[in-house]
Every structure is written in C-alpha cells, then in structure tokens.
Amino acid sequence: MLSSNLFNRMPRHRYNDCMPSEILSSPKNPNIQLARSLLEQGKARRKHNAFAAEGARLLEDGLASAFPLRFILYKTSLTPRARLVLEQIKPTQHAFEVDDKLFDSLSDTDSSQGILGIFELPELSQPARQGFVVILDQLRDPGNLGAILRSADAAGVQAVCLPPGTTDVWAPKVVRAGMGAHFRLPLLQWPWEAIAAYVDGMTVFHADMRGQESLWQADLRGRTALLIGGEAEGISPEGRALATRSVRIPMVGETESLNAAVSASVLMFEVLRQRSQKV
C-alpha cells in the first residue's frame, strides 16, 4: 500500500539542481508507483487526494494555479515546450527524470510530450451561492465530460456540480479533455442533498429534446442552473425531481438529438449570450 505522504520520504531530484541526478528506471520506484496508481485507479486518487495531469499545456495551467504540486516526472527526450515548463518550476518544486521506455509505459496518450505532474486535489470550502451553475447528471463518457468542462470555463460557468453516477472528474482522460478547466472551475462532487441545497432558489433548467420551451425563448438571465443528463440514460430520478423547467434546443434537421458535449455547449453559450446583451 502506498502512503499518501510517501513522496515526502523519497529522495528528491530537482530539474534545476546543479548536481546531476539519478534517472528513474525501475517500475518499483515509489514515485513511479504513485503516478501509475493515480493514472489508473479512481480509488487511488481518492485515497491519496491527488491526480495526474499529463502534457506541457496542462502543466503550465497547473503551475499557474493554486493547486499544490507534489512532483513532476519527465522523459529524457523532451519536447521544447515541455522543457520550458521545467525551466519555470520553483526551487521548492521537485522534478524527476524518467527513462523514456518507463515513462511511455505510464503515459495515457499516443503522442506523449514526455511530462506529467502530480497535483493535490483542492480543499474546497462551501463556495458562495452563484448565478450560473451546471449540474452534470449521469455523464459516463470521459471525453464528453472533459469537453463540457472546457466549454463551461469559456462560457463563464461559476461552478459545476457532479452528483453520484457521473464519471470521475479527475480521471486522466477527463483532465486531458478539459484542457486546463480543472484548475479554474470549482468542481463540486457532492451528494444530491448538498446539490439541492446549493441551487435552492435558482431556476433549474433540464435540457430535454421535448422541453417545455425553446432555448431561444427561455429567460436565462436570472440565477440559473443547467441540468445536463448523459446520452445513454438521461437524467436520474433525483435530477428530475430537482428540475423546475425544461428547455429544448431548436433543430430543423432530421437528427433526433445532439452529443451531450455539443448540447451542453449550446446551452451554456446561450446563457452567456443573453447575459451579454445590453438591457
């Protein structure tokens, strides 16, 4: 079993040290074992209260955020952008060089940039009540979930609620598809009771292709929560009980429904459009 404080007891090798450092080459190295467990297991992410972010772009966003960095792993052969990331780390932050073959065995991507970081999950206090919230109910596909978070960040969503039944938001494929949104959005993995209390007083719009009113007719300028269901199962009974109104996206073609990420993006940007208009 890996201790959540294991990284504190490991030999440290910093990229910006003057002294040459050992290249990690054993799959039994504690850093490698911790990274692998976080990349592969949701229970490990919960136990260690940490997650992995791979790629130079994600590392740039992570280092610029308030998320505590535990350590970085990088390949001997790095892309120029990944090397620039290493040059930006602070003296108190630690990076370990990894044998290329061993790093590739960890990587979750087909064309790795050769760098990944292990970050601690944030300790979120009860956020202030917001005016624009998204609830993602029974979203199973990691790529769709990450894409929705990316759009939510761009559309000005102030918090995302993730009830039970939605895939792990800190899974590597979700983090990668989110393109840095994880470091900027409050992601609230709460039970339904807590979500219901949080959105109390808001109008909860359920996205439904047979919704009561067209998205273009709905007034989304007030305190609004958008409830988005998964493509396979839609919304749960708990989500249906929470919804106060339903909206549909106008369509003129013969397609019956849109991809969940596309639907969510259309809905979120309509909120942004309405709120951007001059009264």
Protein backbone atom coordinates (compact mmCIF):
# COMPACT_ATOMS: atom_id res chain seq x y z
CA MET A 1 0.00 0.00 0.00
CA LEU A 2 1.28 3.47 -0.87
CA SER A 3 1.17 6.12 1.81
CA SER A 4 -0.31 9.47 0.84
CA ASN A 5 2.80 11.08 2.37
CA LEU A 6 5.18 8.76 0.57
CA PHE A 7 6.55 11.49 -1.66
CA ASN A 8 7.87 13.30 1.44
CA ARG A 9 10.16 10.37 2.26
CA MET A 10 11.59 9.87 -1.22
CA PRO A 11 14.95 11.15 -2.46
CA ARG A 12 14.38 14.44 -4.25
CA HIS A 13 15.82 15.27 -7.67
CA ARG A 14 15.18 18.76 -8.98
CA TYR A 15 15.46 19.68 -12.63
CA ASN A 16 17.14 22.96 -11.71
CA ASP A 17 19.71 21.43 -9.35
CA CYS A 18 23.31 21.97 -10.34
CA MET A 19 24.23 18.42 -9.38
CA PRO A 20 23.34 15.63 -11.85
CA SER A 21 20.54 13.39 -10.64
CA GLU A 22 19.63 9.76 -10.98
CA ILE A 23 17.36 8.77 -13.88
CA LEU A 24 14.43 6.73 -12.61
CA SER A 25 14.36 3.41 -14.42
CA SER A 26 12.61 0.95 -12.10
CA PRO A 27 8.83 0.43 -12.16
CA LYS A 28 9.12 -0.22 -8.42
CA ASN A 29 10.29 3.31 -7.69
CA PRO A 30 7.77 4.86 -5.25
CA ASN A 31 7.26 7.93 -7.45
CA ILE A 32 6.50 5.73 -10.45
CA GLN A 33 4.17 3.52 -8.44
CA LEU A 34 2.26 6.51 -7.10
CA ALA A 35 1.91 8.08 -10.55
CA ARG A 36 0.74 4.81 -12.09
CA SER A 37 -1.89 4.27 -9.40
CA LEU A 38 -3.26 7.80 -9.84
CA LEU A 39 -3.41 7.36 -13.61
CA GLU A 40 -5.20 4.02 -13.41
CA GLN A 41 -7.38 3.94 -10.29
CA GLY A 42 -10.12 6.21 -9.03
CA LYS A 43 -9.76 4.72 -5.56
CA ALA A 44 -6.08 5.71 -5.53
CA ARG A 45 -6.97 9.29 -6.45
CA ARG A 46 -9.44 9.39 -3.58
CA LYS A 47 -7.04 7.76 -1.13
CA HIS A 48 -4.06 9.99 -1.93
CA ASN A 49 -6.19 13.07 -2.59
CA ALA A 50 -4.24 13.67 -5.78
CA PHE A 51 -4.43 13.34 -9.56
CA ALA A 52 -2.13 13.29 -12.58
CA ALA A 53 -2.04 15.88 -15.36
CA GLU A 54 -0.04 14.99 -18.47
CA GLY A 55 1.26 17.36 -21.12
CA ALA A 56 3.01 20.72 -21.22
CA ARG A 57 -0.20 22.76 -21.58
CA LEU A 58 -1.79 21.17 -18.51
CA LEU A 59 1.41 21.60 -16.50
CA GLU A 60 1.52 25.28 -17.43
CA ASP A 61 -2.05 25.73 -16.19
CA GLY A 62 -1.39 23.68 -13.07
CA LEU A 63 1.75 25.59 -12.11
CA ALA A 64 -0.11 28.88 -12.58
CA SER A 65 -2.95 27.72 -10.31
CA ALA A 66 -3.26 27.41 -6.54
CA PHE A 67 -3.16 23.60 -6.75
CA PRO A 68 -0.24 22.23 -4.72
CA LEU A 69 2.26 20.36 -6.90
CA ARG A 70 3.69 17.17 -5.41
CA PHE A 71 6.21 16.41 -8.15
CA ILE A 72 6.84 16.24 -11.89
CA LEU A 73 8.03 13.26 -13.93
CA TYR A 74 9.66 13.88 -17.30
CA LYS A 75 11.31 11.89 -20.08
CA THR A 76 14.95 12.18 -21.03
CA SER A 77 13.79 13.19 -24.53
CA LEU A 78 11.51 16.20 -24.08
CA THR A 79 9.62 18.43 -26.47
CA PRO A 80 10.81 22.08 -26.46
CA ARG A 81 7.58 23.24 -24.79
CA ALA A 82 7.90 20.64 -22.03
CA ARG A 83 11.49 21.74 -21.41
CA LEU A 84 10.28 25.31 -21.00
CA VAL A 85 7.84 24.09 -18.35
CA LEU A 86 10.68 22.54 -16.37
CA GLU A 87 12.62 25.77 -16.52
CA GLN A 88 9.71 27.54 -14.81
CA ILE A 89 9.48 25.38 -11.69
CA LYS A 90 10.40 26.86 -8.33
CA PRO A 91 13.38 25.65 -6.25
CA THR A 92 10.93 24.10 -3.78
CA GLN A 93 9.18 22.09 -6.50
CA HIS A 94 10.58 18.72 -7.48
CA ALA A 95 11.01 17.06 -10.87
CA PHE A 96 12.34 13.55 -11.57
CA GLU A 97 13.86 12.43 -14.84
CA VAL A 98 12.47 9.08 -16.04
CA ASP A 99 13.83 6.59 -18.53
CA ASP A 100 11.94 7.05 -21.81
CA LYS A 101 10.63 3.49 -22.02
CA LEU A 102 9.41 3.56 -18.43
CA PHE A 103 7.73 6.93 -18.91
CA ASP A 104 5.98 5.69 -22.05
CA SER A 105 4.59 2.76 -20.04
CA LEU A 106 2.93 5.33 -17.75
CA SER A 107 1.67 7.70 -20.41
CA ASP A 108 -2.01 7.70 -21.26
CA THR A 109 -1.51 9.38 -24.64
CA ASP A 110 -0.44 8.14 -28.07
CA SER A 111 1.98 11.02 -28.68
CA SER A 112 3.27 11.99 -25.26
CA GLN A 113 5.08 15.28 -24.70
CA GLY A 114 7.09 13.49 -22.07
CA ILE A 115 6.00 15.32 -18.95
CA LEU A 116 3.36 14.84 -16.26
CA GLY A 117 2.64 16.38 -12.90
CA ILE A 118 1.10 15.04 -9.73
CA PHE A 119 -1.15 17.63 -8.08
CA GLU A 120 -3.10 17.59 -4.84
CA LEU A 121 -6.87 17.86 -5.07
CA PRO A 122 -8.07 21.22 -3.78
CA GLU A 123 -9.81 21.53 -0.45
CA LEU A 124 -12.95 23.42 -1.46
CA SER A 125 -14.79 25.27 1.24
CA GLN A 126 -18.50 25.89 0.77
CA PRO A 127 -18.49 28.20 -2.27
CA ALA A 128 -20.63 31.29 -2.33
CA ARG A 129 -24.01 30.91 -3.99
CA GLN A 130 -23.60 31.65 -7.66
CA GLY A 131 -25.76 32.85 -10.52
CA PHE A 132 -24.67 30.35 -13.19
CA VAL A 133 -24.20 26.69 -12.28
CA VAL A 134 -24.10 23.49 -14.33
CA ILE A 135 -25.15 20.08 -12.98
CA LEU A 136 -23.81 17.06 -14.89
CA ASP A 137 -26.01 14.07 -14.16
CA GLN A 138 -25.01 10.53 -15.18
CA LEU A 139 -22.34 11.66 -17.64
CA ARG A 140 -20.37 8.47 -18.34
CA ASP A 141 -18.07 9.36 -21.22
CA PRO A 142 -14.75 10.92 -20.04
CA GLY A 143 -14.20 12.79 -23.27
CA ASN A 144 -17.65 14.37 -23.17
CA LEU A 145 -17.25 15.33 -19.53
CA GLY A 146 -13.89 16.99 -20.16
CA ALA A 147 -15.20 18.81 -23.23
CA ILE A 148 -18.15 20.16 -21.23
CA LEU A 149 -15.80 21.47 -18.55
CA ARG A 150 -13.72 23.21 -21.21
CA SER A 151 -16.83 24.90 -22.62
CA ALA A 152 -18.07 25.73 -19.12
CA ASP A 153 -14.84 27.56 -18.39
CA ALA A 154 -15.14 29.51 -21.65
CA ALA A 155 -18.84 30.36 -21.11
CA GLY A 156 -18.37 31.78 -17.63
CA VAL A 157 -19.92 28.98 -15.57
CA GLN A 158 -19.21 29.66 -11.91
CA ALA A 159 -19.44 26.12 -10.51
CA VAL A 160 -20.01 22.59 -11.80
CA CYS A 161 -21.90 20.06 -9.66
CA LEU A 162 -21.07 16.39 -10.15
CA PRO A 163 -23.57 14.12 -8.38
CA PRO A 164 -23.12 10.37 -7.83
CA GLY A 165 -23.31 8.41 -11.08
CA THR A 166 -21.16 10.81 -13.10
CA THR A 167 -17.72 9.54 -14.10
CA ASP A 168 -14.66 10.52 -12.05
CA VAL A 169 -13.89 14.12 -12.99
CA TRP A 170 -10.20 13.65 -12.06
CA ALA A 171 -9.63 10.66 -14.37
CA PRO A 172 -6.76 11.26 -16.86
CA LYS A 173 -8.98 11.32 -19.98
CA VAL A 174 -11.32 13.86 -18.38
CA VAL A 175 -8.41 16.05 -17.24
CA ARG A 176 -6.83 15.92 -20.69
CA ALA A 177 -10.11 16.77 -22.49
CA GLY A 178 -10.74 19.61 -20.03
CA MET A 179 -7.67 21.46 -21.32
CA GLY A 180 -6.93 23.16 -18.00
CA ALA A 181 -10.53 23.82 -16.91
CA HIS A 182 -9.95 21.62 -13.84
CA PHE A 183 -7.54 24.23 -12.50
CA ARG A 184 -10.01 27.09 -12.94
CA LEU A 185 -13.51 25.77 -12.17
CA PRO A 186 -14.97 24.82 -8.77
CA LEU A 187 -15.83 21.12 -9.28
CA LEU A 188 -18.29 20.02 -6.62
CA GLN A 189 -18.54 16.24 -6.23
CA TRP A 190 -21.48 16.26 -3.86
CA PRO A 191 -24.48 14.07 -3.00
CA TRP A 192 -27.84 15.18 -4.32
CA GLU A 193 -28.91 16.60 -0.95
CA ALA A 194 -25.98 19.03 -0.93
CA ILE A 195 -26.53 19.99 -4.57
CA ALA A 196 -30.23 20.65 -3.92
CA ALA A 197 -29.34 22.94 -1.02
CA TYR A 198 -26.71 24.74 -3.10
CA VAL A 199 -29.07 25.54 -6.00
CA ASP A 200 -32.04 26.36 -3.78
CA GLY A 201 -33.69 29.49 -5.14
CA MET A 202 -32.26 29.03 -8.64
CA THR A 203 -34.24 28.10 -11.74
CA VAL A 204 -33.05 24.61 -12.69
CA PHE A 205 -33.42 24.10 -16.44
CA HIS A 206 -33.39 20.49 -17.59
CA ALA A 207 -32.16 20.08 -21.16
CA ASP A 208 -34.66 17.86 -22.98
CA MET A 209 -35.33 17.46 -26.72
CA ARG A 210 -39.05 17.60 -25.84
CA GLY A 211 -38.63 20.51 -23.43
CA GLN A 212 -41.46 22.86 -22.47
CA GLU A 213 -39.93 25.87 -24.19
CA SER A 214 -37.34 26.66 -26.82
CA LEU A 215 -33.90 27.62 -25.56
CA TRP A 216 -34.26 30.87 -27.51
CA GLN A 217 -37.47 31.73 -25.65
CA ALA A 218 -36.31 30.84 -22.14
CA ASP A 219 -35.13 33.67 -19.92
CA LEU A 220 -31.70 32.61 -18.68
CA ARG A 221 -30.61 35.93 -17.23
CA GLY A 222 -31.61 35.15 -13.63
CA ARG A 223 -29.93 32.76 -11.22
CA THR A 224 -29.73 29.69 -13.42
CA ALA A 225 -28.65 26.07 -13.11
CA LEU A 226 -28.43 23.95 -16.25
CA LEU A 227 -29.06 20.25 -15.65
CA ILE A 228 -27.40 18.11 -18.34
CA GLY A 229 -28.05 14.37 -18.49
CA GLY A 230 -25.94 11.63 -20.02
CA GLU A 231 -26.54 10.47 -23.58
CA ALA A 232 -27.36 6.88 -22.63
CA GLU A 233 -29.54 7.28 -19.53
CA GLY A 234 -30.55 10.94 -19.43
CA ILE A 235 -31.10 12.42 -16.00
CA SER A 236 -31.61 10.44 -12.82
CA PRO A 237 -34.81 10.47 -10.72
CA GLU A 238 -33.03 12.80 -8.28
CA GLY A 239 -32.16 15.17 -11.11
CA ARG A 240 -35.69 15.08 -12.48
CA ALA A 241 -37.05 15.96 -9.03
CA LEU A 242 -34.68 18.93 -8.84
CA ALA A 243 -35.59 20.39 -12.27
CA THR A 244 -38.09 23.24 -12.27
CA ARG A 245 -38.31 23.84 -16.04
CA SER A 246 -37.24 22.11 -19.25
CA VAL A 247 -35.80 23.58 -22.43
CA ARG A 248 -35.16 22.18 -25.88
CA ILE A 249 -32.59 23.17 -28.48
CA PRO A 250 -34.31 24.20 -31.73
CA MET A 251 -33.30 21.93 -34.63
CA VAL A 252 -34.50 21.85 -38.23
CA GLY A 253 -32.75 18.73 -39.50
CA GLU A 254 -33.75 15.12 -39.01
CA THR A 255 -31.22 14.42 -36.26
CA GLU A 256 -33.11 13.47 -33.10
CA SER A 257 -30.53 14.59 -30.56
CA LEU A 258 -27.09 16.09 -30.16
CA ASN A 259 -23.97 14.81 -28.47
CA ALA A 260 -24.04 15.68 -24.74
CA ALA A 261 -20.97 17.92 -25.00
CA VAL A 262 -22.42 19.77 -28.01
CA SER A 263 -25.81 20.21 -26.32
CA ALA A 264 -24.22 21.48 -23.12
CA SER A 265 -22.07 23.96 -25.06
CA VAL A 266 -25.08 25.33 -26.97
CA LEU A 267 -26.98 25.79 -23.70
CA MET A 268 -24.13 27.41 -21.81
CA PHE A 269 -23.30 29.87 -24.55
CA GLU A 270 -26.95 30.87 -24.87
CA VAL A 271 -26.79 31.84 -21.19
CA LEU A 272 -23.66 33.87 -21.93
CA ARG A 273 -25.30 35.47 -24.99
CA GLN A 274 -28.39 36.55 -23.09
CA ARG A 275 -26.36 37.98 -20.23
CA SER A 276 -24.04 39.83 -22.60
CA GLN A 277 -26.86 41.71 -24.29
CA LYS A 278 -27.45 45.31 -23.30
CA VAL A 279 -30.71 45.82 -21.49
